[in-house]
Structures are given as structure tokens and as C-alpha cells.
Amino acid sequence: MKFGSIFMQSARNPAGFMKTLLMLPKFFRLIFRLLFDRRVPFFPKLLFASTMIYALSPLDFLPEFLFPLLGFTDDVLLIILSAKHLFKSCPAVVLQEHVAELEKKQTAER
């Protein structure tokens, strides 16, 4: 699973966008695994968790009822940026280990 290339492909063509959407459950499983791994630094985990709390809370910097499209966009953008920070701050060995385990689990399910 190559994270950077997936998002670049989705920006260029609709098939890449669909591929990215289909991979969202894998991203959520990977993030969940990283949040509970002790080898990942604490601050990026805290940042992602607080971003999710902010996104789910009724309090918003740009409220959805005043700015319908912009209100959802800021939440999604913050989630993407905090997830990207979590991936970048995670040791590469740990990230590769979790990705390999998720892919192994997926092939076992087929």
C-alpha cells in the first residue's frame, strides 16, 4: 500500500479516486492499529485523536449551517492532515509491519 501514490492517482483520474475510496477502510484500520501501538510517538496520536473529537463535536470553527460546503471541508482537511502527520511521525518499520499484517489479513479473507 503506497500512501502517497494513491492520493496522487486519485487527483488525476476518476478511477484513482474510486480506488482511494475503496481503501478508506484500510486506512481507518491502520490508524486504529497505530493509535494503540506503543512504538508510535504520543503527540501525533494525541493530535489525531483531538482532531477526531473536534470533527465529531457540534462546536466548529466554520459551522456547517453557515458555510455548508466549507464547514465539512475544514473537518475533512484537518483529519487528512493529522492522519498524514501520524503516518510521517511513525517509524517506517512499524508502519510497514502494520501494513503487511493488514494485507496478510485481507488475503486470508479472500
Foldseek 3Di string as FASTA:
>chain_A
DDVVVLVVVVVPDVVSVVVVVVCVVVLVVLLVVLLPDPQQDDVLSVQLVVLVVQLPDCDFPDHCVVPVVVRNVVSVVSNVVSSVVSVVRHPPVVSVVSSVVVVVVVVVVD
